Structure formats: C-alpha cells, structure tokens
Amino acid sequence: MKIAFVGKGGSGKTTLSSLFIRHLAAARVPVVAIDADINQHLGPALGLSEDVAAALPALGAHLPEIKEYLRGANPRIASAEAMIKTTPPGQGSRLLRLLEDNPVYAACARRVTLDEERNAGSDGGPETDTDGVAGVRLMVTGPFSESDLGVACYHSKVGAVELCLNHLVDGRGEYLVVDMTAGSDSFASGMFTRFDLTFLVAEPTRKGVAVYRQYKEYARDFGVSLAVIGNKVQGEDDVAFLREEVGEDLLVTVGHSDWVRAMEKGRPPSFTLLEETNQRALRTMHERADASYAARDWARYTRQMVHFHERNAESWGNARTGADLADQIDPGFVLSESLPSVPTNA
C-alpha cells in the first residue's frame, strides 16, 4: 500500500506520518518510509538524533545508480542518462518490492528501530540489522546543499522518489509511507497520483481547509483517494468547523498529545502510552488505508504514469536529453503485482 501525507506547512503532517509509521511497526506491518519534504524532519520524528538524520544517504545523490538498476535490460531505454523522473517501466525493466533487498535499498535505505527498549542506551542511530519486524526502512530525498541554493528547485530532489514509485510493485499488508512536501507543491509532478490513499492533514482554520480545497480540486480528474485528518483540534467547535468545511472527507481528528510533546523534546515514552483517543485515530487510518486496496487499478495507474511522462518529455525532457522520450513507453506493458522484480532477461 502506498500512502502519502500532505498538508499546509506547520499542519503537523510529519508528526502524523511518523505516528502512523510507528503504529504500523507496532502492528508488525512492514514499512518503508520516505521523507520527501523540503524540511527533512521525519528522521528525528522517528527517534533519530539530528546528526544521524542529517547523515542519511540522499536518494538524489544516488540517482545515477538508481536509474542504472531500474533500467535493467529494457530495450527502449538506451542508457541511464536517457531516463528522467517520469520514465515508466517496460519489458526488461527491474521493479522494486517493499520486502526485498536490492541495490537501491542498500545504497539509500537505513533501518530505524522503533522499539524504545531495544534502543535503550543507543546513540539514536539507525539499526543495520535485517529484522523486517523490528523497525522500518527509511529513505530521504536529502536537504538543499550549498550548491543548490539559488539555482535548483526542490522538485529536482524528489525525482528519484517518483522514479522509484513508478517501478514499485507493492501488495496488501505492506506499506510505503511518504511524507510529501507542503501545500500544493506536490502537484509540480505526477507523483500525487502514485498513491492508494492520500492523508491530508488540516488544522481547523481557514488556511488549513484552503489547502484541502485546492488539493481536492487539482486531484479531482485523476481519481486520487483523499482522506482528511483534522489536527490540533481543541474541542467540539473545531470538529464542527472541519465537518462543515470538509464534509465526508473528514476521517478522524487528533488533539493535544502529551506523548507527542515528549517525542518532540527527544524523550518519547513507550508508544503503548500514546493516548487512547489518538491510538484509535491511528487504527481508523490503518483500516481506511487497508480498505483502499480494493480500489487499486494497475491499468489506470500505468496510464497516468505514461500521461505524465509524455507531458514531461514534451515540455522539457526531449530538449534536455536530445531524444524523443515518448519512445521509452512500452505500449503493451501494465504494472502489476504478478510481475517478477527482476525479469529473466535482465
């Protein structure tokens, strides 16, 4: 299951995505987490020290290796250099699965153990074992570097994430959770269509629901499944405001949490001590995410992938690569769970 967290800057989407990741891990569900926000805070929210989080390998820094691996033996892709962020897989491409070991994870993913007892006395760093139950795999786009300032947009950083999503075949009972960039910036690429369910975190304010309206309008024609999580709710008036503004898209609300306050100070207690009301909200989110599997349509997913590749190729990709990138599209290829990760001709 591919799940995105979006929302206005400061709405608490990183906090809620980290809580959802912790909930899944506590339920013994395999999780790969990606921090795709311009503000890289997911690692610390999952318990990493600031220094360790800052040292995580950036996906963008490994983009050439990622492209070379995913290209496989696809005859439509002449070289890794010819691939752009929207390049779709085809016959001969290598695909990614959440539960496997592969060169992409080896280069870019680090395991974070969320069991506080096992972390007792540690330096707050990521685990390097292969126990798929003990923790989650965390990947990050990486922050702006000094060389990026003033000359690069952040969407150049998330290209590796979009490429990985295009080549990912995931199944029921396993989760990819992506903390997306704030506001409507998610629509600068086709990545907003890559998810089974998008949780939009909204505060009970006019600005908070304005982002919801904008997101819903942009996503309307693409079949994006959207559920609103009301955050920083202080009473029934806040709940009533959200219900009036958001309607049936409002799934759950979350209020003040002493557990979250302790976590933000770097001293989280056992996750079992999270307030029952917030535990219940997370269970509802999990149930909604699981239910979204029934609506999965791999054919539509592949069509949308091709649509955004054609648009990007025409607007800038062809000029940058000097090739007609529409030729990369395999017209008979449909992504699905039945496909092997590594084709026999790769």
Protein backbone atom coordinates (compact mmCIF):
# COMPACT_ATOMS: atom_id res chain seq x y z
CA MET A 1 0.00 0.00 0.00
CA LYS A 2 1.33 3.42 -0.97
CA ILE A 3 0.29 6.19 1.42
CA ALA A 4 1.06 9.93 1.20
CA PHE A 5 0.82 12.59 3.88
CA VAL A 6 0.24 16.14 2.64
CA GLY A 7 -0.92 19.42 4.15
CA LYS A 8 -0.14 23.05 4.82
CA GLY A 9 3.27 23.83 6.23
CA GLY A 10 3.08 23.56 10.02
CA SER A 11 -0.11 21.47 9.97
CA GLY A 12 1.63 18.54 11.65
CA LYS A 13 1.80 16.17 8.68
CA THR A 14 5.32 14.97 9.56
CA THR A 15 4.26 14.28 13.15
CA LEU A 16 1.19 12.38 12.00
CA SER A 17 3.08 10.44 9.34
CA SER A 18 5.61 9.41 12.00
CA LEU A 19 2.80 8.33 14.33
CA PHE A 20 1.24 6.29 11.54
CA ILE A 21 4.59 4.65 10.80
CA ARG A 22 5.04 3.83 14.49
CA HIS A 23 1.52 2.39 14.60
CA LEU A 24 2.20 0.15 11.60
CA ALA A 25 5.51 -1.03 13.05
CA ALA A 26 3.84 -1.76 16.41
CA ALA A 27 1.25 -3.82 14.49
CA ARG A 28 4.16 -5.80 12.95
CA VAL A 29 3.44 -4.39 9.47
CA PRO A 30 6.44 -4.00 7.12
CA VAL A 31 7.09 -0.32 6.36
CA VAL A 32 9.31 1.68 4.03
CA ALA A 33 9.21 5.40 4.88
CA ILE A 34 10.36 8.24 2.63
CA ASP A 35 10.95 11.83 3.70
CA ALA A 36 10.15 13.82 0.55
CA ASP A 37 9.58 17.16 2.28
CA ILE A 38 11.87 20.13 1.71
CA ASN A 39 12.18 20.26 5.51
CA GLN A 40 13.73 16.93 6.43
CA HIS A 41 12.17 16.17 9.84
CA LEU A 42 10.84 12.62 9.51
CA GLY A 43 14.05 11.01 10.78
CA PRO A 44 14.05 12.95 14.07
CA ALA A 45 10.30 12.33 14.41
CA LEU A 46 11.10 8.61 14.26
CA GLY A 47 13.69 8.96 17.00
CA LEU A 48 16.94 9.64 15.17
CA SER A 49 19.31 12.25 16.53
CA GLU A 50 19.69 15.36 14.37
CA ASP A 51 23.28 14.43 13.46
CA VAL A 52 22.38 10.89 12.46
CA ALA A 53 19.36 12.07 10.46
CA ALA A 54 21.49 14.63 8.61
CA ALA A 55 23.96 11.90 7.66
CA LEU A 56 21.37 9.63 6.00
CA PRO A 57 22.20 8.97 2.33
CA ALA A 58 20.17 11.16 -0.03
CA LEU A 59 18.21 9.47 -2.81
CA GLY A 60 19.14 12.24 -5.24
CA ALA A 61 22.84 11.65 -4.64
CA HIS A 62 22.40 8.07 -5.86
CA LEU A 63 20.17 8.85 -8.83
CA PRO A 64 22.61 7.51 -11.48
CA GLU A 65 22.86 4.13 -9.71
CA ILE A 66 19.08 4.01 -9.19
CA LYS A 67 18.47 4.66 -12.89
CA GLU A 68 21.00 2.05 -13.97
CA TYR A 69 19.44 -0.60 -11.73
CA LEU A 70 15.83 0.15 -12.74
CA ARG A 71 16.69 0.30 -16.45
CA GLY A 72 17.66 -3.36 -16.38
CA ALA A 73 17.54 -4.77 -19.90
CA ASN A 74 14.68 -2.57 -21.14
CA PRO A 75 15.48 -2.19 -24.87
CA ARG A 76 13.53 1.09 -25.08
CA ILE A 77 15.96 2.87 -22.75
CA ALA A 78 19.32 3.41 -24.42
CA SER A 79 21.14 4.45 -21.24
CA ALA A 80 20.58 5.51 -17.66
CA GLU A 81 21.34 9.09 -18.72
CA ALA A 82 18.30 8.99 -21.00
CA MET A 83 15.96 8.31 -18.07
CA ILE A 84 14.06 11.18 -16.44
CA LYS A 85 11.98 11.20 -13.27
CA THR A 86 8.83 10.07 -15.12
CA THR A 87 10.38 7.28 -17.22
CA PRO A 88 7.96 4.34 -16.95
CA PRO A 89 8.99 0.70 -16.67
CA GLY A 90 8.58 -1.69 -19.57
CA GLN A 91 9.55 -5.18 -20.61
CA GLY A 92 13.03 -5.83 -19.21
CA SER A 93 12.92 -3.15 -16.50
CA ARG A 94 13.79 -4.07 -12.95
CA LEU A 95 11.00 -3.46 -10.43
CA LEU A 96 11.10 -2.72 -6.71
CA ARG A 97 9.29 -4.57 -3.93
CA LEU A 98 8.95 -3.41 -0.37
CA LEU A 99 10.10 -6.64 1.28
CA GLU A 100 13.14 -7.42 -0.84
CA ASP A 101 16.80 -6.50 -0.62
CA ASN A 102 18.10 -4.66 -3.68
CA PRO A 103 20.86 -2.18 -4.62
CA VAL A 104 18.51 0.80 -4.23
CA TYR A 105 17.76 -0.04 -0.59
CA ALA A 106 21.39 -0.96 0.05
CA ALA A 107 22.52 2.48 -1.12
CA CYS A 108 19.72 4.68 0.19
CA ALA A 109 17.68 2.94 2.93
CA ARG A 110 18.60 2.66 6.57
CA ARG A 111 16.67 0.67 9.14
CA VAL A 112 15.29 2.58 12.10
CA THR A 113 14.27 0.55 15.13
CA LEU A 114 11.25 1.97 16.92
CA ASP A 115 11.25 -0.32 19.95
CA GLU A 116 12.41 2.02 22.74
CA GLU A 117 13.62 -0.88 24.89
CA ARG A 118 15.92 -2.14 22.14
CA ASN A 119 17.16 1.42 21.56
CA ALA A 120 17.93 1.98 25.24
CA GLY A 121 21.50 3.12 25.58
CA SER A 122 21.97 3.56 21.82
CA ASP A 123 23.21 6.71 20.14
CA GLY A 124 19.93 7.35 18.40
CA GLY A 125 21.25 5.96 15.13
CA PRO A 126 19.63 3.69 12.57
CA GLU A 127 19.79 -0.06 13.02
CA THR A 128 21.69 -2.03 10.39
CA ASP A 129 20.20 -5.46 11.01
CA THR A 130 17.80 -7.16 8.63
CA ASP A 131 14.94 -7.83 11.04
CA GLY A 132 11.96 -6.72 8.96
CA VAL A 133 9.71 -6.61 12.03
CA ALA A 134 11.96 -4.68 14.41
CA GLY A 135 11.92 -1.40 12.50
CA VAL A 136 11.26 0.42 9.28
CA ARG A 137 13.40 1.24 6.29
CA LEU A 138 13.84 4.99 5.99
CA MET A 139 14.88 6.85 2.85
CA VAL A 140 15.27 10.62 2.42
CA THR A 141 15.46 12.94 -0.55
CA GLY A 142 18.07 15.00 1.29
CA PRO A 143 18.09 18.74 2.04
CA PHE A 144 19.32 21.54 -0.17
CA SER A 145 23.08 21.67 -0.43
CA GLU A 146 25.10 24.87 -0.70
CA SER A 147 25.50 24.29 -4.43
CA ASP A 148 21.70 24.08 -4.84
CA LEU A 149 20.92 27.42 -3.26
CA GLY A 150 19.56 29.91 -5.76
CA VAL A 151 19.92 27.58 -8.76
CA ALA A 152 17.78 24.48 -8.11
CA CYS A 153 14.14 23.83 -7.30
CA TYR A 154 13.20 21.24 -4.73
CA HIS A 155 11.38 19.13 -7.28
CA SER A 156 14.75 18.14 -8.70
CA LYS A 157 15.33 16.42 -5.34
CA VAL A 158 12.19 14.28 -5.44
CA GLY A 159 12.76 12.94 -8.95
CA ALA A 160 14.38 9.80 -7.52
CA VAL A 161 11.29 9.19 -5.39
CA GLU A 162 8.98 9.49 -8.39
CA LEU A 163 11.16 7.13 -10.43
CA CYS A 164 11.11 4.56 -7.62
CA LEU A 165 7.33 4.85 -7.26
CA ASN A 166 6.92 4.25 -10.99
CA HIS A 167 8.86 0.99 -10.63
CA LEU A 168 7.30 -0.20 -7.37
CA VAL A 169 5.01 -3.22 -7.16
CA ASP A 170 3.62 -3.44 -3.65
CA GLY A 171 1.00 -5.67 -2.15
CA ARG A 172 -1.58 -5.79 0.58
CA GLY A 173 -0.29 -5.78 4.14
CA GLU A 174 2.93 -3.91 3.33
CA TYR A 175 3.30 -0.15 3.38
CA LEU A 176 5.20 2.66 1.73
CA VAL A 177 4.59 5.92 3.63
CA VAL A 178 5.76 9.19 2.08
CA ASP A 179 5.92 12.50 3.93
CA MET A 180 5.33 14.85 1.00
CA THR A 181 6.33 18.49 0.58
CA ALA A 182 3.90 21.05 1.98
CA GLY A 183 0.91 22.67 0.32
CA SER A 184 0.15 22.34 -3.38
CA ASP A 185 3.82 21.85 -4.33
CA SER A 186 3.03 18.14 -4.63
CA PHE A 187 1.31 18.94 -7.92
CA ALA A 188 4.54 20.07 -9.59
CA SER A 189 4.91 16.45 -10.73
CA GLY A 190 2.67 13.46 -11.31
CA MET A 191 3.74 11.94 -8.02
CA PHE A 192 0.42 12.87 -6.41
CA THR A 193 -1.22 10.10 -8.48
CA ARG A 194 1.18 7.39 -7.25
CA PHE A 195 -0.66 6.57 -4.01
CA ASP A 196 -3.50 4.28 -2.98
CA LEU A 197 -4.56 6.84 -0.37
CA THR A 198 -3.55 10.39 0.49
CA PHE A 199 -3.98 11.65 4.04
CA LEU A 200 -4.37 15.43 4.03
CA VAL A 201 -3.63 16.94 7.43
CA ALA A 202 -5.73 20.06 8.05
CA GLU A 203 -5.92 22.39 11.00
CA PRO A 204 -9.36 23.80 11.93
CA THR A 205 -8.58 27.17 10.33
CA ARG A 206 -9.44 28.93 7.08
CA LYS A 207 -5.87 28.44 5.83
CA GLY A 208 -5.95 24.80 6.82
CA VAL A 209 -9.06 23.98 4.81
CA ALA A 210 -7.95 26.19 1.89
CA VAL A 211 -5.14 23.72 1.17
CA TYR A 212 -7.70 20.90 1.29
CA ARG A 213 -9.95 22.63 -1.26
CA GLN A 214 -7.01 23.32 -3.56
CA TYR A 215 -5.74 19.75 -3.32
CA LYS A 216 -9.17 18.25 -3.91
CA GLU A 217 -9.72 20.46 -6.96
CA TYR A 218 -6.37 19.59 -8.51
CA ALA A 219 -6.81 15.88 -7.82
CA ARG A 220 -10.41 15.70 -9.00
CA ASP A 221 -9.72 14.43 -12.52
CA PHE A 222 -7.14 11.83 -11.50
CA GLY A 223 -9.10 9.56 -9.17
CA VAL A 224 -6.99 10.46 -6.15
CA SER A 225 -8.38 8.91 -2.97
CA LEU A 226 -8.28 11.58 -0.25
CA ALA A 227 -8.99 11.43 3.48
CA VAL A 228 -8.68 14.43 5.80
CA ILE A 229 -7.08 14.17 9.23
CA GLY A 230 -8.09 17.10 11.42
CA ASN A 231 -5.11 18.06 13.58
CA LYS A 232 -4.65 20.38 16.56
CA VAL A 233 -8.34 20.04 17.37
CA GLN A 234 -9.20 21.52 20.77
CA GLY A 235 -12.92 20.96 21.11
CA GLU A 236 -16.29 20.29 19.50
CA ASP A 237 -16.31 23.69 17.81
CA ASP A 238 -13.15 22.76 15.92
CA VAL A 239 -14.66 19.42 14.92
CA ALA A 240 -17.86 21.12 13.75
CA PHE A 241 -15.85 23.64 11.71
CA LEU A 242 -13.95 20.88 9.94
CA ARG A 243 -17.08 18.86 9.25
CA GLU A 244 -18.77 21.94 7.78
CA GLU A 245 -15.78 22.76 5.56
CA VAL A 246 -14.57 19.27 4.63
CA GLY A 247 -17.72 17.16 4.83
CA GLU A 248 -17.48 13.40 4.45
CA ASP A 249 -13.77 13.60 3.58
CA LEU A 250 -13.04 14.15 7.28
CA LEU A 251 -11.89 10.77 8.58
CA VAL A 252 -10.62 11.44 12.12
CA THR A 253 -9.44 14.29 14.33
CA VAL A 254 -6.40 14.47 16.57
CA GLY A 255 -6.00 16.74 19.57
CA HIS A 256 -3.30 17.64 22.06
CA SER A 257 -0.90 14.83 22.93
CA ASP A 258 1.48 14.74 25.87
CA TRP A 259 3.18 11.79 24.14
CA VAL A 260 3.87 13.88 21.04
CA ARG A 261 5.15 16.76 23.16
CA ALA A 262 7.62 14.39 24.84
CA MET A 263 8.62 12.97 21.45
CA GLU A 264 9.30 16.45 20.10
CA LYS A 265 11.63 17.03 23.06
CA GLY A 266 13.52 13.87 22.11
CA ARG A 267 12.19 11.88 25.08
CA PRO A 268 9.35 9.72 23.74
CA PRO A 269 7.85 7.24 26.20
CA SER A 270 6.79 3.77 25.06
CA PHE A 271 4.42 4.03 22.10
CA THR A 272 1.91 1.96 24.07
CA LEU A 273 1.41 5.05 26.25
CA LEU A 274 0.10 7.19 23.39
CA GLU A 275 -3.36 8.46 24.37
CA GLU A 276 -6.16 6.01 23.57
CA THR A 277 -8.07 8.60 21.52
CA ASN A 278 -5.05 9.06 19.28
CA GLN A 279 -4.40 5.31 19.15
CA ARG A 280 -7.99 4.91 18.00
CA ALA A 281 -7.49 7.54 15.29
CA LEU A 282 -4.44 5.67 14.00
CA ARG A 283 -6.38 2.41 13.91
CA THR A 284 -9.09 4.10 11.86
CA MET A 285 -6.47 5.45 9.46
CA HIS A 286 -4.98 1.96 9.14
CA GLU A 287 -8.39 0.45 8.41
CA ARG A 288 -9.11 3.09 5.77
CA ALA A 289 -5.72 2.53 4.14
CA ASP A 290 -6.22 -1.24 4.04
CA ALA A 291 -9.69 -0.78 2.52
CA SER A 292 -8.26 1.33 -0.31
CA TYR A 293 -6.57 -1.78 -1.70
CA ALA A 294 -9.91 -2.93 -3.12
CA ALA A 295 -9.99 0.11 -5.43
CA ARG A 296 -6.48 -0.44 -6.81
CA ASP A 297 -6.41 -0.27 -10.62
CA TRP A 298 -2.99 -1.08 -12.07
CA ALA A 299 -4.11 -0.27 -15.62
CA ARG A 300 -5.16 3.25 -14.63
CA TYR A 301 -2.00 3.64 -12.56
CA THR A 302 0.09 2.76 -15.62
CA ARG A 303 -1.91 5.08 -17.90
CA GLN A 304 -1.38 8.00 -15.54
CA MET A 305 2.33 7.22 -15.37
CA VAL A 306 2.53 7.32 -19.17
CA HIS A 307 0.44 10.51 -19.31
CA PHE A 308 2.83 12.45 -17.07
CA HIS A 309 5.86 11.04 -18.85
CA GLU A 310 4.53 12.29 -22.18
CA ARG A 311 3.88 15.74 -20.71
CA ASN A 312 7.32 15.99 -19.12
CA ALA A 313 9.03 14.69 -22.26
CA GLU A 314 7.33 17.31 -24.40
CA SER A 315 7.81 20.23 -22.02
CA TRP A 316 11.49 19.72 -21.13
CA GLY A 317 12.72 16.13 -21.27
CA ASN A 318 13.21 15.82 -25.03
CA ALA A 319 15.19 19.05 -25.19
CA ARG A 320 17.36 18.08 -22.24
CA THR A 321 18.20 14.58 -23.45
CA GLY A 322 18.18 15.21 -27.20
CA ALA A 323 15.88 12.24 -27.74
CA ASP A 324 12.18 11.58 -28.19
CA LEU A 325 11.38 10.18 -24.76
CA ALA A 326 7.96 9.00 -25.88
CA ASP A 327 9.87 6.09 -27.40
CA GLN A 328 10.54 4.88 -23.84
CA ILE A 329 6.87 3.97 -23.43
CA ASP A 330 6.13 0.26 -23.81
CA PRO A 331 2.53 0.26 -25.11
CA GLY A 332 1.81 -3.31 -24.04
CA PHE A 333 3.21 -3.02 -20.53
CA VAL A 334 0.98 -2.81 -17.44
CA LEU A 335 2.50 -2.70 -13.97
CA SER A 336 1.07 -5.35 -11.65
CA GLU A 337 1.87 -7.43 -8.59
CA SER A 338 2.23 -10.56 -10.73
CA LEU A 339 5.33 -9.26 -12.49
CA PRO A 340 8.76 -10.51 -11.35
CA SER A 341 11.04 -7.93 -9.73
CA VAL A 342 13.99 -8.95 -11.92
CA PRO A 343 13.00 -10.21 -15.37
CA THR A 344 14.81 -13.25 -16.71
CA ASN A 345 16.42 -11.20 -19.48
CA ALA A 346 17.82 -8.54 -17.10
